[in-house]
Amino acid sequence: MESIPSNKIHSIGVSNYENGHIEEMADYAKRVKVPAVNQVEYHPHFRRPALKKYCEERGIFFQAFSSLARMHPDLIGDPVVVKLAEKHNTSVGVGG
């Protein structure tokens, strides 16, 4: 990504980077020392408070993917998740 001319790229995002991976970027990155976004698996059954806090403290946007745990029955059947869906008049797997 760093070989792309600077007028063509404004930021770099990463996926599944842990704290150490982000810190390593400072050693090899020439233009971008920290990513603009870190996209990681994140949902009610897989919370990542330390990584989320780390990103927030450094101005890195923390973006969740697989927020329904790939529709895992343990999550989509979770009483709290079901109750929230009902409260918002929708189903667990469908946004409203």
PDB file of N, CA and C in Angstrom:
ATOM      1  N   MET A   1       0.818  -1.191   0.000  1.00  0.00           N
ATOM      2  CA  MET A   1       0.000   0.000   0.000  1.00  0.00           C
ATOM      3  C   MET A   1       0.867   1.262   0.000  1.00  0.00           C
ATOM      4  N   GLU A   2       1.998   1.178   0.646  1.00  0.00           N
ATOM      5  CA  GLU A   2       2.830   2.376   0.755  1.00  0.00           C
ATOM      6  C   GLU A   2       3.491   2.757  -0.560  1.00  0.00           C
ATOM      7  N   SER A   3       3.509   1.855  -1.528  1.00  0.00           N
ATOM      8  CA  SER A   3       4.101   2.193  -2.820  1.00  0.00           C
ATOM      9  C   SER A   3       3.138   2.989  -3.694  1.00  0.00           C
ATOM     10  N   ILE A   4       1.877   3.071  -3.298  1.00  0.00           N
ATOM     11  CA  ILE A   4       0.898   3.854  -4.042  1.00  0.00           C
ATOM     12  C   ILE A   4       1.190   5.336  -3.807  1.00  0.00           C
ATOM     13  N   PRO A   5       1.157   6.152  -4.857  1.00  0.00           N
ATOM     14  CA  PRO A   5       1.440   7.588  -4.680  1.00  0.00           C
ATOM     15  C   PRO A   5       0.546   8.221  -3.616  1.00  0.00           C
ATOM     16  N   SER A   6       1.107   9.129  -2.826  1.00  0.00           N
ATOM     17  CA  SER A   6       0.386   9.704  -1.693  1.00  0.00           C
ATOM     18  C   SER A   6      -0.856  10.486  -2.102  1.00  0.00           C
ATOM     19  N   ASN A   7      -0.922  10.941  -3.346  1.00  0.00           N
ATOM     20  CA  ASN A   7      -2.135  11.637  -3.772  1.00  0.00           C
ATOM     21  C   ASN A   7      -3.266  10.660  -4.125  1.00  0.00           C
ATOM     22  N   LYS A   8      -2.982   9.387  -4.079  1.00  0.00           N
ATOM     23  CA  LYS A   8      -3.985   8.362  -4.404  1.00  0.00           C
ATOM     24  C   LYS A   8      -4.511   7.626  -3.173  1.00  0.00           C
ATOM     25  N   ILE A   9      -3.824   7.776  -2.062  1.00  0.00           N
ATOM     26  CA  ILE A   9      -4.219   7.062  -0.856  1.00  0.00           C
ATOM     27  C   ILE A   9      -4.194   8.024   0.328  1.00  0.00           C
ATOM     28  N   HIS A  10      -5.237   7.962   1.134  1.00  0.00           N
ATOM     29  CA  HIS A  10      -5.348   8.882   2.261  1.00  0.00           C
ATOM     30  C   HIS A  10      -5.167   8.179   3.602  1.00  0.00           C
ATOM     31  N   SER A  11      -5.533   6.915   3.651  1.00  0.00           N
ATOM     32  CA  SER A  11      -5.400   6.177   4.898  1.00  0.00           C
ATOM     33  C   SER A  11      -5.321   4.686   4.585  1.00  0.00           C
ATOM     34  N   ILE A  12      -4.880   3.941   5.578  1.00  0.00           N
ATOM     35  CA  ILE A  12      -4.757   2.489   5.447  1.00  0.00           C
ATOM     36  C   ILE A  12      -5.530   1.858   6.597  1.00  0.00           C
ATOM     37  N   GLY A  13      -6.300   0.838   6.277  1.00  0.00           N
ATOM     38  CA  GLY A  13      -7.014   0.092   7.289  1.00  0.00           C
ATOM     39  C   GLY A  13      -6.461  -1.318   7.371  1.00  0.00           C
ATOM     40  N   VAL A  14      -6.661  -1.951   8.501  1.00  0.00           N
ATOM     41  CA  VAL A  14      -6.188  -3.317   8.705  1.00  0.00           C
ATOM     42  C   VAL A  14      -7.336  -4.164   9.222  1.00  0.00           C
ATOM     43  N   SER A  15      -7.131  -5.463   9.193  1.00  0.00           N
ATOM     44  CA  SER A  15      -8.142  -6.384   9.671  1.00  0.00           C
ATOM     45  C   SER A  15      -7.483  -7.415  10.574  1.00  0.00           C
ATOM     46  N   ASN A  16      -8.106  -7.659  11.699  1.00  0.00           N
ATOM     47  CA  ASN A  16      -7.649  -8.655  12.665  1.00  0.00           C
ATOM     48  C   ASN A  16      -6.284  -8.358  13.269  1.00  0.00           C
ATOM     49  N   TYR A  17      -5.939  -7.084  13.400  1.00  0.00           N
ATOM     50  CA  TYR A  17      -4.682  -6.709  14.038  1.00  0.00           C
ATOM     51  C   TYR A  17      -4.877  -6.628  15.543  1.00  0.00           C
ATOM     52  N   GLU A  18      -3.974  -7.230  16.268  1.00  0.00           N
ATOM     53  CA  GLU A  18      -3.926  -7.109  17.722  1.00  0.00           C
ATOM     54  C   GLU A  18      -2.986  -5.956  18.066  1.00  0.00           C
ATOM     55  N   ASN A  19      -2.908  -5.596  19.343  1.00  0.00           N
ATOM     56  CA  ASN A  19      -2.076  -4.477  19.772  1.00  0.00           C
ATOM     57  C   ASN A  19      -0.650  -4.580  19.229  1.00  0.00           C
ATOM     58  N   GLY A  20      -0.049  -5.740  19.378  1.00  0.00           N
ATOM     59  CA  GLY A  20       1.330  -5.930  18.934  1.00  0.00           C
ATOM     60  C   GLY A  20       1.513  -5.725  17.443  1.00  0.00           C
ATOM     61  N   HIS A  21       0.545  -6.154  16.651  1.00  0.00           N
ATOM     62  CA  HIS A  21       0.628  -5.966  15.198  1.00  0.00           C
ATOM     63  C   HIS A  21       0.614  -4.484  14.853  1.00  0.00           C
ATOM     64  N   ILE A  22      -0.216  -3.737  15.552  1.00  0.00           N
ATOM     65  CA  ILE A  22      -0.303  -2.297  15.294  1.00  0.00           C
ATOM     66  C   ILE A  22       1.007  -1.621  15.699  1.00  0.00           C
ATOM     67  N   GLU A  23       1.560  -2.033  16.826  1.00  0.00           N
ATOM     68  CA  GLU A  23       2.825  -1.462  17.271  1.00  0.00           C
ATOM     69  C   GLU A  23       3.958  -1.771  16.290  1.00  0.00           C
ATOM     70  N   GLU A  24       3.937  -2.948  15.691  1.00  0.00           N
ATOM     71  CA  GLU A  24       4.958  -3.323  14.702  1.00  0.00           C
ATOM     72  C   GLU A  24       4.918  -2.422  13.472  1.00  0.00           C
ATOM     73  N   MET A  25       3.754  -1.872  13.163  1.00  0.00           N
ATOM     74  CA  MET A  25       3.641  -1.008  11.983  1.00  0.00           C
ATOM     75  C   MET A  25       4.620   0.159  12.062  1.00  0.00           C
ATOM     76  N   ALA A  26       4.858   0.665  13.261  1.00  0.00           N
ATOM     77  CA  ALA A  26       5.775   1.795  13.425  1.00  0.00           C
ATOM     78  C   ALA A  26       7.186   1.423  12.984  1.00  0.00           C
ATOM     79  N   ASP A  27       7.529   0.141  13.045  1.00  0.00           N
ATOM     80  CA  ASP A  27       8.868  -0.306  12.655  1.00  0.00           C
ATOM     81  C   ASP A  27       9.050  -0.395  11.138  1.00  0.00           C
ATOM     82  N   TYR A  28       7.987  -0.746  10.418  1.00  0.00           N
ATOM     83  CA  TYR A  28       8.152  -0.953   8.979  1.00  0.00           C
ATOM     84  C   TYR A  28       7.396   0.047   8.106  1.00  0.00           C
ATOM     85  N   ALA A  29       6.406   0.706   8.662  1.00  0.00           N
ATOM     86  CA  ALA A  29       5.618   1.641   7.856  1.00  0.00           C
ATOM     87  C   ALA A  29       6.394   2.935   7.637  1.00  0.00           C
ATOM     88  N   LYS A  30       6.330   3.430   6.431  1.00  0.00           N
ATOM     89  CA  LYS A  30       7.029   4.674   6.110  1.00  0.00           C
ATOM     90  C   LYS A  30       6.110   5.888   6.219  1.00  0.00           C
ATOM     91  N   ARG A  31       4.898   5.776   5.691  1.00  0.00           N
ATOM     92  CA  ARG A  31       3.979   6.931   5.695  1.00  0.00           C
ATOM     93  C   ARG A  31       2.940   6.856   6.783  1.00  0.00           C
ATOM     94  N   VAL A  32       2.360   5.706   6.977  1.00  0.00           N
ATOM     95  CA  VAL A  32       1.260   5.567   7.924  1.00  0.00           C
ATOM     96  C   VAL A  32       1.752   4.741   9.115  1.00  0.00           C
ATOM     97  N   LYS A  33       1.886   5.369  10.262  1.00  0.00           N
ATOM     98  CA  LYS A  33       2.413   4.679  11.445  1.00  0.00           C
ATOM     99  C   LYS A  33       1.336   3.923  12.207  1.00  0.00           C
ATOM    100  N   VAL A  34       0.090   4.366  12.105  1.00  0.00           N
ATOM    101  CA  VAL A  34      -1.042   3.645  12.692  1.00  0.00           C
ATOM    102  C   VAL A  34      -2.153   3.594  11.644  1.00  0.00           C
ATOM    103  N   PRO A  35      -2.918   2.526  11.632  1.00  0.00           N
ATOM    104  CA  PRO A  35      -4.013   2.433  10.671  1.00  0.00           C
ATOM    105  C   PRO A  35      -5.157   3.368  11.040  1.00  0.00           C
ATOM    106  N   ALA A  36      -5.973   3.695  10.069  1.00  0.00           N
ATOM    107  CA  ALA A  36      -7.160   4.514  10.318  1.00  0.00           C
ATOM    108  C   ALA A  36      -8.280   3.676  10.923  1.00  0.00           C
ATOM    109  N   VAL A  37      -8.306   2.390  10.585  1.00  0.00           N
ATOM    110  CA  VAL A  37      -9.364   1.495  11.051  1.00  0.00           C
ATOM    111  C   VAL A  37      -8.792   0.107  11.272  1.00  0.00           C
ATOM    112  N   ASN A  38      -9.322  -0.567  12.273  1.00  0.00           N
ATOM    113  CA  ASN A  38      -8.991  -1.964  12.530  1.00  0.00           C
ATOM    114  C   ASN A  38     -10.306  -2.719  12.595  1.00  0.00           C
ATOM    115  N   GLN A  39     -10.525  -3.604  11.636  1.00  0.00           N
ATOM    116  CA  GLN A  39     -11.767  -4.369  11.572  1.00  0.00           C
ATOM    117  C   GLN A  39     -11.516  -5.752  12.177  1.00  0.00           C
ATOM    118  N   VAL A  40     -12.272  -6.079  13.221  1.00  0.00           N
ATOM    119  CA  VAL A  40     -12.078  -7.338  13.934  1.00  0.00           C
ATOM    120  C   VAL A  40     -13.425  -7.969  14.282  1.00  0.00           C
ATOM    121  N   GLU A  41     -13.405  -9.274  14.523  1.00  0.00           N
ATOM    122  CA  GLU A  41     -14.629  -9.932  14.985  1.00  0.00           C
ATOM    123  C   GLU A  41     -14.986  -9.375  16.356  1.00  0.00           C
ATOM    124  N   TYR A  42     -16.247  -8.995  16.505  1.00  0.00           N
ATOM    125  CA  TYR A  42     -16.685  -8.371  17.746  1.00  0.00           C
ATOM    126  C   TYR A  42     -18.192  -8.546  17.859  1.00  0.00           C
ATOM    127  N   HIS A  43     -18.638  -9.132  18.935  1.00  0.00           N
ATOM    128  CA  HIS A  43     -20.062  -9.321  19.171  1.00  0.00           C
ATOM    129  C   HIS A  43     -20.276  -9.574  20.662  1.00  0.00           C
ATOM    130  N   PRO A  44     -21.524  -9.647  21.109  1.00  0.00           N
ATOM    131  CA  PRO A  44     -21.778  -9.786  22.550  1.00  0.00           C
ATOM    132  C   PRO A  44     -21.100 -10.985  23.210  1.00  0.00           C
ATOM    133  N   HIS A  45     -20.828 -12.040  22.454  1.00  0.00           N
ATOM    134  CA  HIS A  45     -20.171 -13.212  23.037  1.00  0.00           C
ATOM    135  C   HIS A  45     -18.666 -13.210  22.799  1.00  0.00           C
ATOM    136  N   PHE A  46     -18.160 -12.204  22.141  1.00  0.00           N
ATOM    137  CA  PHE A  46     -16.706 -12.095  21.901  1.00  0.00           C
ATOM    138  C   PHE A  46     -16.328 -10.623  21.946  1.00  0.00           C
ATOM    139  N   ARG A  47     -16.327 -10.113  23.175  1.00  0.00           N
ATOM    140  CA  ARG A  47     -15.997  -8.710  23.383  1.00  0.00           C
ATOM    141  C   ARG A  47     -14.495  -8.590  23.522  1.00  0.00           C
ATOM    142  N   ARG A  48     -13.972  -7.481  23.086  1.00  0.00           N
ATOM    143  CA  ARG A  48     -12.530  -7.292  23.096  1.00  0.00           C
ATOM    144  C   ARG A  48     -12.193  -5.952  23.745  1.00  0.00           C
ATOM    145  N   PRO A  49     -12.473  -5.810  25.032  1.00  0.00           N
ATOM    146  CA  PRO A  49     -12.327  -4.501  25.663  1.00  0.00           C
ATOM    147  C   PRO A  49     -10.911  -3.930  25.614  1.00  0.00           C
ATOM    148  N   ALA A  50      -9.901  -4.761  25.804  1.00  0.00           N
ATOM    149  CA  ALA A  50      -8.524  -4.241  25.800  1.00  0.00           C
ATOM    150  C   ALA A  50      -8.140  -3.737  24.408  1.00  0.00           C
ATOM    151  N   LEU A  51      -8.484  -4.493  23.368  1.00  0.00           N
ATOM    152  CA  LEU A  51      -8.164  -4.072  22.003  1.00  0.00           C
ATOM    153  C   LEU A  51      -8.974  -2.845  21.614  1.00  0.00           C
ATOM    154  N   LYS A  52     -10.234  -2.824  21.986  1.00  0.00           N
ATOM    155  CA  LYS A  52     -11.089  -1.669  21.683  1.00  0.00           C
ATOM    156  C   LYS A  52     -10.537  -0.411  22.346  1.00  0.00           C
ATOM    157  N   LYS A  53     -10.161  -0.514  23.605  1.00  0.00           N
ATOM    158  CA  LYS A  53      -9.599   0.629  24.325  1.00  0.00           C
ATOM    159  C   LYS A  53      -8.282   1.070  23.690  1.00  0.00           C
ATOM    160  N   TYR A  54      -7.430   0.122  23.339  1.00  0.00           N
ATOM    161  CA  TYR A  54      -6.155   0.419  22.696  1.00  0.00           C
ATOM    162  C   TYR A  54      -6.376   1.231  21.425  1.00  0.00           C
ATOM    163  N   CYS A  55      -7.309   0.785  20.599  1.00  0.00           N
ATOM    164  CA  CYS A  55      -7.600   1.490  19.344  1.00  0.00           C
ATOM    165  C   CYS A  55      -8.161   2.883  19.611  1.00  0.00           C
ATOM    166  N   GLU A  56      -9.110   2.967  20.525  1.00  0.00           N
ATOM    167  CA  GLU A  56      -9.720   4.265  20.836  1.00  0.00           C
ATOM    168  C   GLU A  56      -8.679   5.269  21.326  1.00  0.00           C
ATOM    169  N   GLU A  57      -7.756   4.822  22.167  1.00  0.00           N
ATOM    170  CA  GLU A  57      -6.721   5.717  22.705  1.00  0.00           C
ATOM    171  C   GLU A  57      -5.783   6.245  21.622  1.00  0.00           C
ATOM    172  N   ARG A  58      -5.681   5.533  20.512  1.00  0.00           N
ATOM    173  CA  ARG A  58      -4.781   5.926  19.434  1.00  0.00           C
ATOM    174  C   ARG A  58      -5.508   6.520  18.234  1.00  0.00           C
ATOM    175  N   GLY A  59      -6.800   6.732  18.371  1.00  0.00           N
ATOM    176  CA  GLY A  59      -7.577   7.318  17.285  1.00  0.00           C
ATOM    177  C   GLY A  59      -7.818   6.376  16.127  1.00  0.00           C
ATOM    178  N   ILE A  60      -7.769   5.081  16.385  1.00  0.00           N
ATOM    179  CA  ILE A  60      -8.012   4.062  15.358  1.00  0.00           C
ATOM    180  C   ILE A  60      -9.479   3.653  15.447  1.00  0.00           C
ATOM    181  N   PHE A  61     -10.216   3.794  14.355  1.00  0.00           N
ATOM    182  CA  PHE A  61     -11.629   3.410  14.351  1.00  0.00           C
ATOM    183  C   PHE A  61     -11.729   1.899  14.524  1.00  0.00           C
ATOM    184  N   PHE A  62     -12.487   1.468  15.511  1.00  0.00           N
ATOM    185  CA  PHE A  62     -12.668   0.054  15.833  1.00  0.00           C
ATOM    186  C   PHE A  62     -13.948  -0.409  15.159  1.00  0.00           C
ATOM    187  N   GLN A  63     -13.815  -1.228  14.134  1.00  0.00           N
ATOM    188  CA  GLN A  63     -14.985  -1.654  13.351  1.00  0.00           C
ATOM    189  C   GLN A  63     -15.234  -3.145  13.542  1.00  0.00           C
ATOM    190  N   ALA A  64     -16.466  -3.483  13.888  1.00  0.00           N
ATOM    191  CA  ALA A  64     -16.844  -4.876  14.108  1.00  0.00           C
ATOM    192  C   ALA A  64     -17.226  -5.547  12.801  1.00  0.00           C
ATOM    193  N   PHE A  65     -16.827  -6.809  12.678  1.00  0.00           N
ATOM    194  CA  PHE A  65     -17.421  -7.655  11.648  1.00  0.00           C
ATOM    195  C   PHE A  65     -17.927  -8.903  12.351  1.00  0.00           C
ATOM    196  N   SER A  66     -18.807  -9.599  11.702  1.00  0.00           N
ATOM    197  CA  SER A  66     -19.440 -10.789  12.274  1.00  0.00           C
ATOM    198  C   SER A  66     -20.133 -10.457  13.588  1.00  0.00           C
ATOM    199  N   SER A  67     -20.847  -9.335  13.585  1.00  0.00           N
ATOM    200  CA  SER A  67     -21.480  -8.873  14.821  1.00  0.00           C
ATOM    201  C   SER A  67     -22.595  -9.795  15.314  1.00  0.00           C
ATOM    202  N   LEU A  68     -23.007 -10.733  14.486  1.00  0.00           N
ATOM    203  CA  LEU A  68     -23.961 -11.753  14.940  1.00  0.00           C
ATOM    204  C   LEU A  68     -23.306 -13.129  15.011  1.00  0.00           C
ATOM    205  N   ALA A  69     -21.980 -13.151  15.112  1.00  0.00           N
ATOM    206  CA  ALA A  69     -21.223 -14.397  15.297  1.00  0.00           C
ATOM    207  C   ALA A  69     -21.563 -15.431  14.235  1.00  0.00           C
ATOM    208  N   ARG A  70     -21.665 -14.964  13.009  1.00  0.00           N
ATOM    209  CA  ARG A  70     -21.987 -15.853  11.879  1.00  0.00           C
ATOM    210  C   ARG A  70     -23.288 -16.626  12.134  1.00  0.00           C
ATOM    211  N   MET A  71     -24.220 -15.907  12.769  1.00  0.00           N
ATOM    212  CA  MET A  71     -25.548 -16.458  13.098  1.00  0.00           C
ATOM    213  C   MET A  71     -25.445 -17.704  13.984  1.00  0.00           C
ATOM    214  N   HIS A  72     -24.458 -17.731  14.851  1.00  0.00           N
ATOM    215  CA  HIS A  72     -24.286 -18.863  15.768  1.00  0.00           C
ATOM    216  C   HIS A  72     -25.512 -18.968  16.678  1.00  0.00           C
ATOM    217  N   PRO A  73     -26.042 -20.168  16.841  1.00  0.00           N
ATOM    218  CA  PRO A  73     -27.260 -20.350  17.644  1.00  0.00           C
ATOM    219  C   PRO A  73     -27.146 -19.810  19.073  1.00  0.00           C
ATOM    220  N   ASP A  74     -25.955 -19.892  19.669  1.00  0.00           N
ATOM    221  CA  ASP A  74     -25.788 -19.374  21.038  1.00  0.00           C
ATOM    222  C   ASP A  74     -26.032 -17.877  21.103  1.00  0.00           C
ATOM    223  N   LEU A  75     -25.669 -17.153  20.048  1.00  0.00           N
ATOM    224  CA  LEU A  75     -25.857 -15.709  20.060  1.00  0.00           C
ATOM    225  C   LEU A  75     -27.254 -15.326  19.584  1.00  0.00           C
ATOM    226  N   ILE A  76     -27.705 -15.878  18.470  1.00  0.00           N
ATOM    227  CA  ILE A  76     -29.019 -15.465  17.972  1.00  0.00           C
ATOM    228  C   ILE A  76     -30.162 -15.957  18.861  1.00  0.00           C
ATOM    229  N   GLY A  77     -29.869 -16.939  19.727  1.00  0.00           N
ATOM    230  CA  GLY A  77     -30.862 -17.403  20.681  1.00  0.00           C
ATOM    231  C   GLY A  77     -30.679 -16.808  22.064  1.00  0.00           C
ATOM    232  N   ASP A  78     -29.677 -15.977  22.226  1.00  0.00           N
ATOM    233  CA  ASP A  78     -29.410 -15.348  23.522  1.00  0.00           C
ATOM    234  C   ASP A  78     -30.632 -14.528  23.932  1.00  0.00           C
ATOM    235  N   PRO A  79     -31.160 -14.749  25.135  1.00  0.00           N
ATOM    236  CA  PRO A  79     -32.376 -14.047  25.565  1.00  0.00           C
ATOM    237  C   PRO A  79     -32.263 -12.519  25.499  1.00  0.00           C
ATOM    238  N   VAL A  80     -31.110 -11.980  25.806  1.00  0.00           N
ATOM    239  CA  VAL A  80     -30.938 -10.526  25.754  1.00  0.00           C
ATOM    240  C   VAL A  80     -31.011 -10.036  24.308  1.00  0.00           C
ATOM    241  N   VAL A  81     -30.369 -10.757  23.400  1.00  0.00           N
ATOM    242  CA  VAL A  81     -30.389 -10.369  21.989  1.00  0.00           C
ATOM    243  C   VAL A  81     -31.807 -10.489  21.429  1.00  0.00           C
ATOM    244  N   VAL A  82     -32.489 -11.566  21.755  1.00  0.00           N
ATOM    245  CA  VAL A  82     -33.866 -11.769  21.300  1.00  0.00           C
ATOM    246  C   VAL A  82     -34.774 -10.662  21.838  1.00  0.00           C
ATOM    247  N   LYS A  83     -34.606 -10.322  23.116  1.00  0.00           N
ATOM    248  CA  LYS A  83     -35.437  -9.272  23.726  1.00  0.00           C
ATOM    249  C   LYS A  83     -35.196  -7.922  23.051  1.00  0.00           C
ATOM    250  N   LEU A  84     -33.942  -7.615  22.729  1.00  0.00           N
ATOM    251  CA  LEU A  84     -33.644  -6.362  22.026  1.00  0.00           C
ATOM    252  C   LEU A  84     -34.284  -6.332  20.637  1.00  0.00           C
ATOM    253  N   ALA A  85     -34.235  -7.456  19.932  1.00  0.00           N
ATOM    254  CA  ALA A  85     -34.869  -7.524  18.613  1.00  0.00           C
ATOM    255  C   ALA A  85     -36.375  -7.297  18.740  1.00  0.00           C
ATOM    256  N   GLU A  86     -36.982  -7.937  19.711  1.00  0.00           N
ATOM    257  CA  GLU A  86     -38.423  -7.760  19.923  1.00  0.00           C
ATOM    258  C   GLU A  86     -38.754  -6.311  20.259  1.00  0.00           C
ATOM    259  N   LYS A  87     -37.940  -5.706  21.114  1.00  0.00           N
ATOM    260  CA  LYS A  87     -38.153  -4.312  21.501  1.00  0.00           C
ATOM    261  C   LYS A  87     -38.164  -3.393  20.287  1.00  0.00           C
ATOM    262  N   HIS A  88     -37.334  -3.718  19.298  1.00  0.00           N
ATOM    263  CA  HIS A  88     -37.223  -2.887  18.097  1.00  0.00           C
ATOM    264  C   HIS A  88     -38.047  -3.440  16.934  1.00  0.00           C
ATOM    265  N   ASN A  89     -38.939  -4.379  17.259  1.00  0.00           N
ATOM    266  CA  ASN A  89     -39.882  -4.923  16.278  1.00  0.00           C
ATOM    267  C   ASN A  89     -39.173  -5.484  15.041  1.00  0.00           C
ATOM    268  N   THR A  90     -38.163  -6.294  15.269  1.00  0.00           N
ATOM    269  CA  THR A  90     -37.425  -6.915  14.171  1.00  0.00           C
ATOM    270  C   THR A  90     -36.976  -8.295  14.615  1.00  0.00           C
ATOM    271  N   SER A  91     -36.324  -9.009  13.735  1.00  0.00           N
ATOM    272  CA  SER A  91     -35.753 -10.299  14.115  1.00  0.00           C
ATOM    273  C   SER A  91     -34.275 -10.112  14.411  1.00  0.00           C
ATOM    274  N   VAL A  92     -33.681 -11.081  15.032  1.00  0.00           N
ATOM    275  CA  VAL A  92     -32.275 -10.983  15.409  1.00  0.00           C
ATOM    276  C   VAL A  92     -31.388 -10.772  14.189  1.00  0.00           C
ATOM    277  N   GLY A  93     -31.638 -11.473  13.126  1.00  0.00           N
ATOM    278  CA  GLY A  93     -30.761 -11.421  11.956  1.00  0.00           C
ATOM    279  C   GLY A  93     -31.102 -10.374  10.921  1.00  0.00           C
ATOM    280  N   VAL A  94     -32.123  -9.562  11.172  1.00  0.00           N
ATOM    281  CA  VAL A  94     -32.547  -8.585  10.179  1.00  0.00           C
ATOM    282  C   VAL A  94     -32.610  -7.204  10.827  1.00  0.00           C
ATOM    283  N   GLY A  95     -31.937  -6.239  10.224  1.00  0.00           N
ATOM    284  CA  GLY A  95     -31.997  -4.865  10.739  1.00  0.00           C
ATOM    285  C   GLY A  95     -33.336  -4.238  10.437  1.00  0.00           C
ATOM    286  N   GLY A  96     -33.663  -3.211  11.164  1.00  0.00           N
ATOM    287  CA  GLY A  96     -34.972  -2.607  11.006  1.00  0.00           C
ATOM    288  C   GLY A  96     -34.992  -1.350  10.299  1.00  0.00           C
TER     289      GLY A  96
END
